[in-house]
Amino acid sequence: MPSHISISNNHYGYYIDRTNNAKNYIMRNIEKNISYETLSSLCSMSYPTFSRVFVKENGCTVEEFIQNARVSLAKLALLSSQENIPVISEKSGFASASDFKEIFMRETGYSPLQYRQLHG
């Protein structure tokens, strides 16, 4: 079986996860600027095909997947470290502290500081 394909089980039965390499790459490089062309290349697909397959197999766009992963990483860092918010923003891969705050608030309903104070 090619390395860019894995077989998974979901509630519909078995399916071939053709985007597994891209998701692994995202998680290993979450703090970096991630190129969609790199992701599609890892899956041996053109970008339009990759984008369509990714949504079908994951239920979200590539951008949503990356943002969700970054927010999850930031939540963990906010609760498990005392690092300041701009450092957490950078380590989580957000382009700026203002982007981080905006996306974090949209996803959680709290600013990063409020989240830390309420859940930490």
C-alpha atoms as a PDB file:
ATOM      1  CA  MET A   1       0.000   0.000   0.000  1.00  0.00           C
ATOM      2  CA  PRO A   2       1.399   3.464  -0.841  1.00  0.00           C
ATOM      3  CA  SER A   3       2.712   5.405   2.147  1.00  0.00           C
ATOM      4  CA  HIS A   4       0.226   8.270   1.670  1.00  0.00           C
ATOM      5  CA  ILE A   5      -2.784   6.017   2.205  1.00  0.00           C
ATOM      6  CA  SER A   6      -4.004   4.590   5.485  1.00  0.00           C
ATOM      7  CA  ILE A   7      -7.079   2.568   6.268  1.00  0.00           C
ATOM      8  CA  SER A   8      -9.270   3.781   9.107  1.00  0.00           C
ATOM      9  CA  ASN A   9     -12.567   2.783  10.628  1.00  0.00           C
ATOM     10  CA  ASN A  10     -15.466   5.152  11.115  1.00  0.00           C
ATOM     11  CA  HIS A  11     -19.128   4.592  11.871  1.00  0.00           C
ATOM     12  CA  TYR A  12     -19.779   3.943   8.159  1.00  0.00           C
ATOM     13  CA  GLY A  13     -17.200   1.152   8.029  1.00  0.00           C
ATOM     14  CA  TYR A  14     -13.712   1.143   6.597  1.00  0.00           C
ATOM     15  CA  TYR A  15     -12.450   3.818   4.272  1.00  0.00           C
ATOM     16  CA  ILE A  16      -9.117   4.847   2.858  1.00  0.00           C
ATOM     17  CA  ASP A  17      -7.809   8.036   4.421  1.00  0.00           C
ATOM     18  CA  ARG A  18      -5.993   9.647   1.532  1.00  0.00           C
ATOM     19  CA  THR A  19      -5.168  12.782   3.520  1.00  0.00           C
ATOM     20  CA  ASN A  20      -3.340  11.131   6.427  1.00  0.00           C
ATOM     21  CA  ASN A  21       0.126  12.346   5.372  1.00  0.00           C
ATOM     22  CA  ALA A  22      -1.129  15.924   5.189  1.00  0.00           C
ATOM     23  CA  LYS A  23      -2.709  15.762   8.657  1.00  0.00           C
ATOM     24  CA  ASN A  24       0.473  14.276  10.118  1.00  0.00           C
ATOM     25  CA  TYR A  25       2.544  17.010   8.454  1.00  0.00           C
ATOM     26  CA  ILE A  26       0.217  19.688   9.851  1.00  0.00           C
ATOM     27  CA  MET A  27       0.532  18.336  13.381  1.00  0.00           C
ATOM     28  CA  ARG A  28       4.347  18.089  13.168  1.00  0.00           C
ATOM     29  CA  ASN A  29       4.676  21.597  11.716  1.00  0.00           C
ATOM     30  CA  ILE A  30       1.783  23.441  13.347  1.00  0.00           C
ATOM     31  CA  GLU A  31       3.945  26.398  14.397  1.00  0.00           C
ATOM     32  CA  LYS A  32       5.071  27.038  10.807  1.00  0.00           C
ATOM     33  CA  ASN A  33       3.418  28.592   7.786  1.00  0.00           C
ATOM     34  CA  ILE A  34       1.898  25.558   6.071  1.00  0.00           C
ATOM     35  CA  SER A  35       1.652  25.550   2.284  1.00  0.00           C
ATOM     36  CA  TYR A  36      -1.418  23.954   0.749  1.00  0.00           C
ATOM     37  CA  GLU A  37       0.716  22.958  -2.223  1.00  0.00           C
ATOM     38  CA  THR A  38       3.031  21.020   0.112  1.00  0.00           C
ATOM     39  CA  LEU A  39       0.053  19.258   1.666  1.00  0.00           C
ATOM     40  CA  SER A  40      -1.447  18.273  -1.666  1.00  0.00           C
ATOM     41  CA  SER A  41       1.946  17.095  -2.884  1.00  0.00           C
ATOM     42  CA  LEU A  42       2.339  14.876   0.197  1.00  0.00           C
ATOM     43  CA  CYS A  43      -0.921  13.193  -0.805  1.00  0.00           C
ATOM     44  CA  SER A  44       0.049  12.942  -4.494  1.00  0.00           C
ATOM     45  CA  MET A  45      -2.900  15.061  -5.606  1.00  0.00           C
ATOM     46  CA  SER A  46      -3.438  18.368  -7.334  1.00  0.00           C
ATOM     47  CA  TYR A  47      -4.532  21.077  -4.910  1.00  0.00           C
ATOM     48  CA  PRO A  48      -8.155  21.230  -6.162  1.00  0.00           C
ATOM     49  CA  THR A  49      -8.499  17.443  -5.829  1.00  0.00           C
ATOM     50  CA  PHE A  50      -6.768  17.414  -2.449  1.00  0.00           C
ATOM     51  CA  SER A  51      -9.008  20.200  -1.149  1.00  0.00           C
ATOM     52  CA  ARG A  52     -12.165  18.367  -2.254  1.00  0.00           C
ATOM     53  CA  VAL A  53     -10.992  14.998  -0.845  1.00  0.00           C
ATOM     54  CA  PHE A  54      -9.880  16.607   2.435  1.00  0.00           C
ATOM     55  CA  VAL A  55     -13.328  18.098   3.056  1.00  0.00           C
ATOM     56  CA  LYS A  56     -15.039  14.841   2.127  1.00  0.00           C
ATOM     57  CA  GLU A  57     -12.838  12.725   4.408  1.00  0.00           C
ATOM     58  CA  ASN A  58     -12.475  15.141   7.342  1.00  0.00           C
ATOM     59  CA  GLY A  59     -15.678  17.169   7.362  1.00  0.00           C
ATOM     60  CA  CYS A  60     -13.816  20.483   7.322  1.00  0.00           C
ATOM     61  CA  THR A  61     -11.548  22.485   5.064  1.00  0.00           C
ATOM     62  CA  VAL A  62      -7.769  22.363   5.382  1.00  0.00           C
ATOM     63  CA  GLU A  63      -7.798  25.877   6.852  1.00  0.00           C
ATOM     64  CA  GLU A  64     -10.397  24.883   9.471  1.00  0.00           C
ATOM     65  CA  PHE A  65      -8.368  21.774  10.375  1.00  0.00           C
ATOM     66  CA  ILE A  66      -5.209  23.859  10.829  1.00  0.00           C
ATOM     67  CA  GLN A  67      -7.016  26.511  12.879  1.00  0.00           C
ATOM     68  CA  ASN A  68      -8.662  23.872  15.092  1.00  0.00           C
ATOM     69  CA  ALA A  69      -5.288  22.220  15.683  1.00  0.00           C
ATOM     70  CA  ARG A  70      -3.703  25.577  16.540  1.00  0.00           C
ATOM     71  CA  VAL A  71      -6.499  26.511  18.935  1.00  0.00           C
ATOM     72  CA  SER A  72      -6.248  23.100  20.628  1.00  0.00           C
ATOM     73  CA  LEU A  73      -2.499  23.525  21.058  1.00  0.00           C
ATOM     74  CA  ALA A  74      -2.990  27.040  22.425  1.00  0.00           C
ATOM     75  CA  LYS A  75      -5.638  25.840  24.915  1.00  0.00           C
ATOM     76  CA  LEU A  76      -3.230  23.238  26.221  1.00  0.00           C
ATOM     77  CA  ALA A  77      -0.418  25.790  26.508  1.00  0.00           C
ATOM     78  CA  LEU A  78      -2.664  28.321  28.258  1.00  0.00           C
ATOM     79  CA  LEU A  79      -3.592  25.769  30.904  1.00  0.00           C
ATOM     80  CA  SER A  80      -0.281  23.986  31.329  1.00  0.00           C
ATOM     81  CA  SER A  81       2.258  26.794  31.191  1.00  0.00           C
ATOM     82  CA  GLN A  82       2.772  30.317  32.429  1.00  0.00           C
ATOM     83  CA  GLU A  83       4.107  31.566  29.092  1.00  0.00           C
ATOM     84  CA  ASN A  84       2.736  34.898  28.008  1.00  0.00           C
ATOM     85  CA  ILE A  85       0.046  35.014  25.370  1.00  0.00           C
ATOM     86  CA  PRO A  86       2.181  36.383  22.493  1.00  0.00           C
ATOM     87  CA  VAL A  87       4.631  33.488  23.005  1.00  0.00           C
ATOM     88  CA  ILE A  88       1.795  30.956  23.000  1.00  0.00           C
ATOM     89  CA  SER A  89       0.381  32.617  19.886  1.00  0.00           C
ATOM     90  CA  GLU A  90       3.704  32.257  18.079  1.00  0.00           C
ATOM     91  CA  LYS A  91       4.326  28.671  19.242  1.00  0.00           C
ATOM     92  CA  SER A  92       0.826  27.716  18.126  1.00  0.00           C
ATOM     93  CA  GLY A  93       1.506  28.999  14.615  1.00  0.00           C
ATOM     94  CA  PHE A  94      -0.702  32.072  14.469  1.00  0.00           C
ATOM     95  CA  ALA A  95       0.482  34.867  12.170  1.00  0.00           C
ATOM     96  CA  SER A  96       0.067  37.486  14.886  1.00  0.00           C
ATOM     97  CA  ALA A  97      -1.196  37.914  18.430  1.00  0.00           C
ATOM     98  CA  SER A  98      -4.235  39.782  17.086  1.00  0.00           C
ATOM     99  CA  ASP A  99      -5.073  36.903  14.700  1.00  0.00           C
ATOM    100  CA  PHE A 100      -4.680  34.516  17.622  1.00  0.00           C
ATOM    101  CA  LYS A 101      -7.036  36.502  19.844  1.00  0.00           C
ATOM    102  CA  GLU A 102      -9.643  36.874  17.085  1.00  0.00           C
ATOM    103  CA  ILE A 103      -9.617  33.196  16.089  1.00  0.00           C
ATOM    104  CA  PHE A 104      -9.434  31.970  19.690  1.00  0.00           C
ATOM    105  CA  MET A 105     -12.443  34.110  20.663  1.00  0.00           C
ATOM    106  CA  ARG A 106     -14.415  32.927  17.642  1.00  0.00           C
ATOM    107  CA  GLU A 107     -13.683  29.274  18.442  1.00  0.00           C
ATOM    108  CA  THR A 108     -14.047  29.329  22.247  1.00  0.00           C
ATOM    109  CA  GLY A 109     -16.106  32.391  23.107  1.00  0.00           C
ATOM    110  CA  TYR A 110     -13.279  33.636  25.353  1.00  0.00           C
ATOM    111  CA  SER A 111     -10.150  35.692  24.913  1.00  0.00           C
ATOM    112  CA  PRO A 112      -6.984  33.685  25.635  1.00  0.00           C
ATOM    113  CA  LEU A 113      -6.586  35.490  28.976  1.00  0.00           C
ATOM    114  CA  GLN A 114     -10.214  34.838  29.964  1.00  0.00           C
ATOM    115  CA  TYR A 115      -9.822  31.178  28.989  1.00  0.00           C
ATOM    116  CA  ARG A 116      -6.711  30.848  31.176  1.00  0.00           C
ATOM    117  CA  GLN A 117      -8.404  32.557  34.117  1.00  0.00           C
ATOM    118  CA  LEU A 118     -11.614  30.512  33.871  1.00  0.00           C
ATOM    119  CA  HIS A 119     -10.112  27.094  33.168  1.00  0.00           C
ATOM    120  CA  GLY A 120      -6.607  27.298  34.619  1.00  0.00           C
END
